[in-house]
Amino acid sequence: MIADQFLIKNEAASSSYKTDSASEQPKRSIAKSMSWRAIGTLDTLIISWIITGTLSLVFSIGLVELVTKQDGLVFFYMNACGTLLNG
């Protein structure tokens, strides 16, 4: 029944690493990571504003969050460049 649908879907949708990696372009990955980072920072700003009500504190929290999360983007960038250069 329901389990059969999952099994049939998984058999039909099975793909290889080569197919999956070719479908994700570096530009698309960068755009996705930047847009996700912007949404995350905006979310942090809104929640901070609701909790504190002080704009100066909100922007301080947002700046700290942005700087600390930036390390993740640098890590992604280094991995993407390593993958592109090393095959």
Foldseek 3Di string as FASTA:
>chain_A
DVVVVVVVVCVVPDDDPVVVVVVDDPVNVLVVVVVVLVVVLVVQLVVCCVVPVDNVVSVVRSVVVSVVCVVVVVVVVVVVVCVVVVD
